[in-house]
Amino acid sequence: MLTTMALSTHTTSTGFLLPSIHSAPPFFTQQPNPATEAIVIEQWTKLILSYARHRNLFYLRVEDAETGGDWDEVLRNDRINRRLPPTHLSSILAGMVAKNVATYEPAKQTRSVLLYWRLPEEWAEVLHQWASTTGQMNTIMTFYEITDPPVNSPLTNIPLPLLRKAITILAKSNRAQIIAIADGEGL
């Protein structure tokens, strides 16, 4: 007997539209065929990055596959009784790091990544544009002033490792400079 799966999109409680592949049970299972698994990892990568951007999330840990939290509505699908196993998430994260859309953070471990839903080069441009439009050009600023401004900005809560990469990119083109001070660093 041949049965067909009804794949459908679904809007989460946070207003994120899950793609129809999220309703396919095999999507939550590591595939034995390497070509098929590569497609699954590519689809998970797109899903994770778009969800992270939607929710302004920067970190994803292997443990999130079990504990849920901010990632629960993506890493599981109660409608089909499926959850992404931690081992599969670990291989997806490795694939994301290999494609330079994530980096292991902290370094020298493989259980937590910093997601690049904007690449460091894109964050550099966001930072430069923000400094230009807010009148902060040629002004010394602390990292705290950038990541926790009085009015929310695209840079609000950006992780320091990502901010440092963006500033380094701007510094290479002489559009920013890091100044070390006794109590820390500034821009």
C-alpha atoms as a PDB file:
ATOM      1  CA  MET A   1       0.000   0.000   0.000  1.00  0.00           C
ATOM      2  CA  LEU A   2       1.341   3.420  -0.946  1.00  0.00           C
ATOM      3  CA  THR A   3       0.637   6.336   1.362  1.00  0.00           C
ATOM      4  CA  THR A   4       1.433   9.972   0.843  1.00  0.00           C
ATOM      5  CA  MET A   5       2.548  12.470   3.404  1.00  0.00           C
ATOM      6  CA  ALA A   6       0.663  15.706   3.671  1.00  0.00           C
ATOM      7  CA  LEU A   7       3.367  18.332   3.973  1.00  0.00           C
ATOM      8  CA  SER A   8       2.252  21.727   5.125  1.00  0.00           C
ATOM      9  CA  THR A   9       3.706  24.962   6.364  1.00  0.00           C
ATOM     10  CA  HIS A  10       2.997  26.040   9.914  1.00  0.00           C
ATOM     11  CA  THR A  11       3.214  29.375  11.710  1.00  0.00           C
ATOM     12  CA  THR A  12       4.765  29.145  15.188  1.00  0.00           C
ATOM     13  CA  SER A  13       3.646  31.037  18.280  1.00  0.00           C
ATOM     14  CA  THR A  14       6.405  33.602  17.589  1.00  0.00           C
ATOM     15  CA  GLY A  15       5.052  34.230  14.078  1.00  0.00           C
ATOM     16  CA  PHE A  16       7.717  32.286  12.217  1.00  0.00           C
ATOM     17  CA  LEU A  17       6.564  30.344   9.153  1.00  0.00           C
ATOM     18  CA  LEU A  18       8.019  26.837   9.222  1.00  0.00           C
ATOM     19  CA  PRO A  19       8.549  25.374   5.732  1.00  0.00           C
ATOM     20  CA  SER A  20       6.610  22.323   4.622  1.00  0.00           C
ATOM     21  CA  ILE A  21       9.699  20.089   4.935  1.00  0.00           C
ATOM     22  CA  HIS A  22       9.425  20.611   8.720  1.00  0.00           C
ATOM     23  CA  SER A  23       6.317  18.410   8.639  1.00  0.00           C
ATOM     24  CA  ALA A  24       8.177  15.478   7.022  1.00  0.00           C
ATOM     25  CA  PRO A  25       9.235  12.865   9.614  1.00  0.00           C
ATOM     26  CA  PRO A  26      12.474  11.964   7.724  1.00  0.00           C
ATOM     27  CA  PHE A  27      13.601  15.590   8.111  1.00  0.00           C
ATOM     28  CA  PHE A  28      14.196  14.864  11.807  1.00  0.00           C
ATOM     29  CA  THR A  29      16.271  11.734  11.149  1.00  0.00           C
ATOM     30  CA  GLN A  30      19.872  11.449  10.056  1.00  0.00           C
ATOM     31  CA  GLN A  31      19.806  10.009   6.534  1.00  0.00           C
ATOM     32  CA  PRO A  32      22.083   7.058   5.644  1.00  0.00           C
ATOM     33  CA  ASN A  33      22.550   8.215   2.043  1.00  0.00           C
ATOM     34  CA  PRO A  34      25.249  10.969   2.041  1.00  0.00           C
ATOM     35  CA  ALA A  35      23.622  12.873  -0.834  1.00  0.00           C
ATOM     36  CA  THR A  36      20.246  12.886   0.914  1.00  0.00           C
ATOM     37  CA  GLU A  37      21.845  13.870   4.221  1.00  0.00           C
ATOM     38  CA  ALA A  38      23.638  16.780   2.512  1.00  0.00           C
ATOM     39  CA  ILE A  39      20.259  18.077   1.290  1.00  0.00           C
ATOM     40  CA  VAL A  40      18.758  17.659   4.770  1.00  0.00           C
ATOM     41  CA  ILE A  41      21.677  19.573   6.337  1.00  0.00           C
ATOM     42  CA  GLU A  42      21.280  22.329   3.748  1.00  0.00           C
ATOM     43  CA  GLN A  43      17.555  22.615   4.559  1.00  0.00           C
ATOM     44  CA  TRP A  44      18.218  22.612   8.325  1.00  0.00           C
ATOM     45  CA  THR A  45      20.888  25.284   7.827  1.00  0.00           C
ATOM     46  CA  LYS A  46      18.450  27.565   5.998  1.00  0.00           C
ATOM     47  CA  LEU A  47      15.774  26.927   8.621  1.00  0.00           C
ATOM     48  CA  ILE A  48      18.096  27.538  11.601  1.00  0.00           C
ATOM     49  CA  LEU A  49      19.554  30.748  10.161  1.00  0.00           C
ATOM     50  CA  SER A  50      16.200  32.220   9.168  1.00  0.00           C
ATOM     51  CA  TYR A  51      14.690  31.348  12.560  1.00  0.00           C
ATOM     52  CA  ALA A  52      17.698  32.812  14.381  1.00  0.00           C
ATOM     53  CA  ARG A  53      17.300  36.039  12.400  1.00  0.00           C
ATOM     54  CA  HIS A  54      13.545  36.099  13.102  1.00  0.00           C
ATOM     55  CA  ARG A  55      14.125  35.701  16.859  1.00  0.00           C
ATOM     56  CA  ASN A  56      17.450  37.591  17.033  1.00  0.00           C
ATOM     57  CA  LEU A  57      19.179  34.473  18.378  1.00  0.00           C
ATOM     58  CA  PHE A  58      22.936  34.118  18.085  1.00  0.00           C
ATOM     59  CA  TYR A  59      23.785  30.806  19.756  1.00  0.00           C
ATOM     60  CA  LEU A  60      22.672  27.238  19.223  1.00  0.00           C
ATOM     61  CA  ARG A  61      23.878  24.368  21.414  1.00  0.00           C
ATOM     62  CA  VAL A  62      23.596  20.626  20.908  1.00  0.00           C
ATOM     63  CA  GLU A  63      21.761  20.550  24.259  1.00  0.00           C
ATOM     64  CA  ASP A  64      18.997  22.724  22.763  1.00  0.00           C
ATOM     65  CA  ALA A  65      17.809  19.607  20.920  1.00  0.00           C
ATOM     66  CA  GLU A  66      16.831  18.159  24.305  1.00  0.00           C
ATOM     67  CA  THR A  67      16.030  21.177  26.464  1.00  0.00           C
ATOM     68  CA  GLY A  68      14.168  23.209  23.872  1.00  0.00           C
ATOM     69  CA  GLY A  69      13.973  26.740  25.174  1.00  0.00           C
ATOM     70  CA  ASP A  70      14.228  29.381  22.460  1.00  0.00           C
ATOM     71  CA  TRP A  71      14.741  26.706  19.815  1.00  0.00           C
ATOM     72  CA  ASP A  72      11.955  24.297  20.781  1.00  0.00           C
ATOM     73  CA  GLU A  73       9.446  25.295  18.106  1.00  0.00           C
ATOM     74  CA  VAL A  74      12.026  24.599  15.374  1.00  0.00           C
ATOM     75  CA  LEU A  75      13.869  21.569  16.758  1.00  0.00           C
ATOM     76  CA  ARG A  76      10.681  19.613  17.368  1.00  0.00           C
ATOM     77  CA  ASN A  77       7.337  19.129  15.700  1.00  0.00           C
ATOM     78  CA  ASP A  78       4.601  17.935  18.032  1.00  0.00           C
ATOM     79  CA  ARG A  79       2.136  17.626  15.127  1.00  0.00           C
ATOM     80  CA  ILE A  80       4.146  14.650  13.803  1.00  0.00           C
ATOM     81  CA  ASN A  81       5.677  13.641  17.147  1.00  0.00           C
ATOM     82  CA  ARG A  82       9.268  14.327  16.072  1.00  0.00           C
ATOM     83  CA  ARG A  83      12.281  15.954  17.705  1.00  0.00           C
ATOM     84  CA  LEU A  84      15.740  16.521  16.206  1.00  0.00           C
ATOM     85  CA  PRO A  85      18.158  14.197  18.037  1.00  0.00           C
ATOM     86  CA  PRO A  86      21.260  15.847  19.569  1.00  0.00           C
ATOM     87  CA  THR A  87      23.571  13.686  17.413  1.00  0.00           C
ATOM     88  CA  HIS A  88      21.881  14.913  14.239  1.00  0.00           C
ATOM     89  CA  LEU A  89      21.995  18.519  15.436  1.00  0.00           C
ATOM     90  CA  SER A  90      25.705  18.057  16.130  1.00  0.00           C
ATOM     91  CA  SER A  91      26.318  16.981  12.525  1.00  0.00           C
ATOM     92  CA  ILE A  92      24.195  19.894  11.241  1.00  0.00           C
ATOM     93  CA  LEU A  93      26.262  22.326  13.327  1.00  0.00           C
ATOM     94  CA  ALA A  94      29.470  20.796  11.937  1.00  0.00           C
ATOM     95  CA  GLY A  95      28.103  21.322   8.425  1.00  0.00           C
ATOM     96  CA  MET A  96      27.262  24.941   9.226  1.00  0.00           C
ATOM     97  CA  VAL A  97      30.770  25.567  10.557  1.00  0.00           C
ATOM     98  CA  ALA A  98      32.251  23.944   7.436  1.00  0.00           C
ATOM     99  CA  LYS A  99      30.210  26.345   5.274  1.00  0.00           C
ATOM    100  CA  ASN A 100      31.286  29.367   7.389  1.00  0.00           C
ATOM    101  CA  VAL A 101      27.735  30.278   8.420  1.00  0.00           C
ATOM    102  CA  ALA A 102      28.571  29.471  12.062  1.00  0.00           C
ATOM    103  CA  THR A 103      31.641  29.150  14.242  1.00  0.00           C
ATOM    104  CA  TYR A 104      32.240  27.079  17.323  1.00  0.00           C
ATOM    105  CA  GLU A 105      31.958  29.427  20.299  1.00  0.00           C
ATOM    106  CA  PRO A 106      33.761  29.138  22.557  1.00  0.00           C
ATOM    107  CA  ALA A 107      36.550  27.792  20.372  1.00  0.00           C
ATOM    108  CA  LYS A 108      38.023  24.306  20.829  1.00  0.00           C
ATOM    109  CA  GLN A 109      34.687  22.575  21.457  1.00  0.00           C
ATOM    110  CA  THR A 110      31.943  21.286  19.137  1.00  0.00           C
ATOM    111  CA  ARG A 111      28.735  21.628  21.163  1.00  0.00           C
ATOM    112  CA  SER A 112      27.906  25.327  20.790  1.00  0.00           C
ATOM    113  CA  VAL A 113      27.994  27.634  17.779  1.00  0.00           C
ATOM    114  CA  LEU A 114      27.720  31.325  17.108  1.00  0.00           C
ATOM    115  CA  LEU A 115      25.366  31.660  14.140  1.00  0.00           C
ATOM    116  CA  TYR A 116      26.073  33.969  11.232  1.00  0.00           C
ATOM    117  CA  TRP A 117      22.574  34.813  10.066  1.00  0.00           C
ATOM    118  CA  ARG A 118      24.457  37.871   8.940  1.00  0.00           C
ATOM    119  CA  LEU A 119      28.071  37.260   7.980  1.00  0.00           C
ATOM    120  CA  PRO A 120      30.728  39.243   9.888  1.00  0.00           C
ATOM    121  CA  GLU A 121      31.210  41.379   6.754  1.00  0.00           C
ATOM    122  CA  GLU A 122      27.491  42.215   6.782  1.00  0.00           C
ATOM    123  CA  TRP A 123      27.650  43.076  10.504  1.00  0.00           C
ATOM    124  CA  ALA A 124      30.591  45.378   9.727  1.00  0.00           C
ATOM    125  CA  GLU A 125      28.398  47.281   7.265  1.00  0.00           C
ATOM    126  CA  VAL A 126      25.503  47.361   9.752  1.00  0.00           C
ATOM    127  CA  LEU A 127      27.860  48.793  12.386  1.00  0.00           C
ATOM    128  CA  HIS A 128      29.253  51.399  10.004  1.00  0.00           C
ATOM    129  CA  GLN A 129      25.764  52.411   8.860  1.00  0.00           C
ATOM    130  CA  TRP A 130      24.541  52.608  12.472  1.00  0.00           C
ATOM    131  CA  ALA A 131      27.511  54.795  13.473  1.00  0.00           C
ATOM    132  CA  SER A 132      26.844  57.052  10.478  1.00  0.00           C
ATOM    133  CA  THR A 133      23.107  57.476  11.041  1.00  0.00           C
ATOM    134  CA  THR A 134      23.381  58.002  14.807  1.00  0.00           C
ATOM    135  CA  GLY A 135      26.165  60.563  14.595  1.00  0.00           C
ATOM    136  CA  GLN A 136      28.716  58.262  16.246  1.00  0.00           C
ATOM    137  CA  MET A 137      31.384  58.568  13.538  1.00  0.00           C
ATOM    138  CA  ASN A 138      34.753  59.669  14.928  1.00  0.00           C
ATOM    139  CA  THR A 139      33.469  59.045  18.453  1.00  0.00           C
ATOM    140  CA  ILE A 140      35.081  56.726  20.977  1.00  0.00           C
ATOM    141  CA  MET A 141      32.527  54.138  22.103  1.00  0.00           C
ATOM    142  CA  THR A 142      32.659  51.152  24.393  1.00  0.00           C
ATOM    143  CA  PHE A 143      31.467  47.748  23.264  1.00  0.00           C
ATOM    144  CA  TYR A 144      28.703  48.082  25.865  1.00  0.00           C
ATOM    145  CA  GLU A 145      27.442  51.289  24.228  1.00  0.00           C
ATOM    146  CA  ILE A 146      27.205  49.455  20.924  1.00  0.00           C
ATOM    147  CA  THR A 147      25.597  46.240  22.189  1.00  0.00           C
ATOM    148  CA  ASP A 148      23.270  47.894  24.708  1.00  0.00           C
ATOM    149  CA  PRO A 149      22.300  51.303  23.284  1.00  0.00           C
ATOM    150  CA  PRO A 150      19.578  53.443  24.916  1.00  0.00           C
ATOM    151  CA  VAL A 151      17.383  52.850  21.834  1.00  0.00           C
ATOM    152  CA  ASN A 152      17.302  49.346  20.355  1.00  0.00           C
ATOM    153  CA  SER A 153      19.321  49.002  17.176  1.00  0.00           C
ATOM    154  CA  PRO A 154      20.266  46.172  14.837  1.00  0.00           C
ATOM    155  CA  LEU A 155      23.381  45.781  17.026  1.00  0.00           C
ATOM    156  CA  THR A 156      21.501  45.357  20.313  1.00  0.00           C
ATOM    157  CA  ASN A 157      22.770  42.213  22.083  1.00  0.00           C
ATOM    158  CA  ILE A 158      25.236  41.304  19.324  1.00  0.00           C
ATOM    159  CA  PRO A 159      27.742  38.906  20.912  1.00  0.00           C
ATOM    160  CA  LEU A 160      31.187  40.381  21.560  1.00  0.00           C
ATOM    161  CA  PRO A 161      33.052  37.806  19.414  1.00  0.00           C
ATOM    162  CA  LEU A 162      30.902  38.793  16.437  1.00  0.00           C
ATOM    163  CA  LEU A 163      31.232  42.517  17.189  1.00  0.00           C
ATOM    164  CA  ARG A 164      35.014  42.127  17.378  1.00  0.00           C
ATOM    165  CA  LYS A 165      35.052  40.423  13.965  1.00  0.00           C
ATOM    166  CA  ALA A 166      32.943  43.221  12.470  1.00  0.00           C
ATOM    167  CA  ILE A 167      35.228  45.894  13.937  1.00  0.00           C
ATOM    168  CA  THR A 168      38.316  44.049  12.674  1.00  0.00           C
ATOM    169  CA  ILE A 169      36.824  44.067   9.170  1.00  0.00           C
ATOM    170  CA  LEU A 170      36.156  47.815   9.422  1.00  0.00           C
ATOM    171  CA  ALA A 171      39.647  48.411  10.814  1.00  0.00           C
ATOM    172  CA  LYS A 172      41.220  46.711   7.780  1.00  0.00           C
ATOM    173  CA  SER A 173      39.569  49.352   5.584  1.00  0.00           C
ATOM    174  CA  ASN A 174      40.458  52.178   8.019  1.00  0.00           C
ATOM    175  CA  ARG A 175      36.801  52.729   8.971  1.00  0.00           C
ATOM    176  CA  ALA A 176      37.223  51.783  12.663  1.00  0.00           C
ATOM    177  CA  GLN A 177      39.881  51.339  15.285  1.00  0.00           C
ATOM    178  CA  ILE A 178      39.977  49.373  18.526  1.00  0.00           C
ATOM    179  CA  ILE A 179      41.409  51.343  21.417  1.00  0.00           C
ATOM    180  CA  ALA A 180      42.559  49.426  24.483  1.00  0.00           C
ATOM    181  CA  ILE A 181      41.982  51.136  27.845  1.00  0.00           C
ATOM    182  CA  ALA A 182      42.757  50.086  31.380  1.00  0.00           C
ATOM    183  CA  ASP A 183      39.248  48.749  32.096  1.00  0.00           C
ATOM    184  CA  GLY A 184      38.579  47.161  28.703  1.00  0.00           C
ATOM    185  CA  GLU A 185      38.283  48.052  25.074  1.00  0.00           C
ATOM    186  CA  GLY A 186      36.398  50.528  22.954  1.00  0.00           C
ATOM    187  CA  LEU A 187      35.841  51.518  19.367  1.00  0.00           C
END
